[in-house]
Structures are given as C-alpha cells and as structure tokens.
C-alpha cells in the first residue's frame, strides 16, 4: 500500500515538473518610437558582449514589429540603435514574463 502511494506521488511530481519549468522565450520587438531602428541586440544578462545585430541587413521602421526567440530563459539585456545613431538599453529583463520589447520615443520598455 505504501509502495503504491509513493509511486503515485512520484508520478504526480514528475508530471507537474515540466509545467512549472516551462518558459516561453519568444517575444515581439515592436517599434513605436516614431523613428527607424537600424540595430537590435539582445542576449543573456550574464554575457557582457552584445553579439551581432539581430536585424542583420534589415531595419525596423516605426509602426512595425518582428518576432524573436531568445532560446534561453532567465534575465536578458536589450539594446537598440536608431537611424540617427542614438541608442537605448534595457537590462536584466526576465524573458519568461515578457512578451514584448517596445522601442518608444524615450527608450525601451518590457511588457
């Protein structure tokens, strides 16, 4: 009887674990800044390097959006560079609780 109980408890714990550990690492980058974004960088907060421009040869005009997937859970940093060369950074954003990174007239917001 005790053995059945322990097996049932182990099954419930195992079945519930993936649901708690899941994190949607996808997000939408939205440009509501009124200006063109020429460069977009993001990566884990633990990495001090920005890496490559995620827009590549493309740009993101104001009013447009694009989907990305960080591929990793946890805290991430974001950086944008507008066409005029000005830039903004947003640090230590939990990607598991963020569905949008928004470029605004005053910088970057996580929503």
Protein backbone atom coordinates (compact mmCIF):
# COMPACT_ATOMS: atom_id res chain seq x y z
CA UNK A 1 0.00 0.00 0.00
CA UNK A 2 2.79 2.43 0.93
CA UNK A 3 4.61 1.50 -2.26
CA UNK A 4 1.57 2.40 -4.39
CA UNK A 5 1.28 5.74 -2.62
CA UNK A 6 4.96 6.55 -3.18
CA UNK A 7 4.73 5.58 -6.85
CA UNK A 8 1.62 7.73 -7.31
CA UNK A 9 3.29 10.68 -5.56
CA UNK A 10 6.40 10.33 -7.73
CA UNK A 11 4.25 10.24 -10.87
CA UNK A 12 2.37 13.40 -9.88
CA UNK A 13 5.62 15.23 -9.06
CA UNK A 14 7.20 14.16 -12.35
CA UNK A 15 4.14 15.16 -14.38
CA UNK A 16 3.93 18.58 -12.73
CA UNK A 17 7.65 19.42 -13.01
CA UNK A 18 7.75 20.18 -16.78
CA UNK A 19 4.74 22.51 -16.48
CA UNK A 20 6.47 24.55 -13.78
CA UNK A 21 9.81 24.61 -15.60
CA UNK A 22 8.44 25.77 -18.95
CA UNK A 23 9.27 29.26 -20.15
CA UNK A 24 8.16 30.87 -23.38
CA UNK A 25 11.33 32.57 -24.64
CA UNK A 26 9.62 34.14 -27.66
CA UNK A 27 8.89 37.86 -27.78
CA UNK A 28 7.81 40.54 -30.22
CA UNK A 29 10.03 43.55 -30.81
CA UNK A 30 7.70 46.49 -31.52
CA UNK A 31 8.88 49.85 -32.83
CA UNK A 32 6.61 52.61 -31.52
CA UNK A 33 9.39 55.19 -31.36
CA UNK A 34 8.45 57.32 -34.36
CA UNK A 35 11.89 56.63 -35.87
CA UNK A 36 13.58 53.79 -37.71
CA UNK A 37 15.55 51.25 -35.65
CA UNK A 38 18.72 50.25 -37.51
CA UNK A 39 20.17 47.78 -34.99
CA UNK A 40 18.76 45.48 -32.31
CA UNK A 41 20.80 43.41 -29.87
CA UNK A 42 19.84 41.03 -27.07
CA UNK A 43 21.40 38.29 -25.03
CA UNK A 44 21.64 36.76 -21.58
CA UNK A 45 22.48 39.29 -18.87
CA UNK A 46 25.34 37.01 -17.81
CA UNK A 47 27.12 37.71 -21.13
CA UNK A 48 28.86 41.12 -21.26
CA UNK A 49 29.04 41.10 -25.10
CA UNK A 50 26.15 42.26 -27.27
CA UNK A 51 26.99 39.93 -30.12
CA UNK A 52 25.65 40.50 -33.62
CA UNK A 53 22.85 42.81 -34.73
CA UNK A 54 19.67 40.69 -34.70
CA UNK A 55 18.14 42.72 -37.55
CA UNK A 56 21.10 41.87 -39.76
CA UNK A 57 20.86 43.74 -43.06
CA UNK A 58 17.27 44.77 -42.25
CA UNK A 59 15.88 47.75 -40.35
CA UNK A 60 12.63 48.13 -38.41
CA UNK A 61 10.58 51.16 -39.43
CA UNK A 62 8.33 52.83 -36.87
CA UNK A 63 4.98 51.09 -36.57
CA UNK A 64 6.39 47.66 -37.48
CA UNK A 65 7.17 44.59 -35.37
CA UNK A 66 9.14 41.37 -35.60
CA UNK A 67 9.23 38.11 -33.62
CA UNK A 68 12.33 36.68 -31.94
CA UNK A 69 13.15 33.75 -29.69
CA UNK A 70 15.99 34.06 -27.18
CA UNK A 71 16.20 30.29 -26.85
CA UNK A 72 17.15 30.71 -23.18
CA UNK A 73 15.16 31.51 -20.08
CA UNK A 74 16.24 33.99 -17.43
CA UNK A 75 17.40 37.60 -17.45
CA UNK A 76 18.25 39.24 -20.77
CA UNK A 77 19.62 42.63 -21.85
CA UNK A 78 18.38 44.58 -24.88
CA UNK A 79 19.87 47.39 -26.94
CA UNK A 80 18.53 49.37 -29.89
CA UNK A 81 20.26 51.87 -32.19
CA UNK A 82 18.12 54.35 -34.09
CA UNK A 83 18.90 55.66 -37.57
CA UNK A 84 20.30 58.89 -36.06
CA UNK A 85 22.90 56.88 -34.07
CA UNK A 86 21.28 57.35 -30.64
CA UNK A 87 20.84 54.19 -28.62
CA UNK A 88 18.95 52.85 -25.60
CA UNK A 89 19.49 49.84 -23.35
CA UNK A 90 17.20 47.78 -21.15
CA UNK A 91 18.87 45.45 -18.67
CA UNK A 92 18.01 42.32 -16.68
CA UNK A 93 14.55 41.59 -18.12
CA UNK A 94 13.06 38.20 -17.23
CA UNK A 95 12.18 36.84 -20.65
CA UNK A 96 9.81 34.27 -19.09
CA UNK A 97 7.43 37.07 -18.02
CA UNK A 98 7.91 39.37 -21.04
CA UNK A 99 6.08 39.07 -24.35
CA UNK A 100 7.04 42.40 -25.90
CA UNK A 101 10.11 44.61 -26.08
CA UNK A 102 8.92 48.03 -27.23
CA UNK A 103 11.00 50.87 -28.64
CA UNK A 104 9.37 54.15 -27.57
CA UNK A 105 10.25 57.79 -28.05
CA UNK A 106 12.06 57.75 -24.70
CA UNK A 107 13.82 54.36 -24.83
CA UNK A 108 12.89 50.69 -24.45
CA UNK A 109 10.15 49.06 -22.35
CA UNK A 110 9.37 45.45 -21.50
CA UNK A 111 5.72 44.47 -21.49
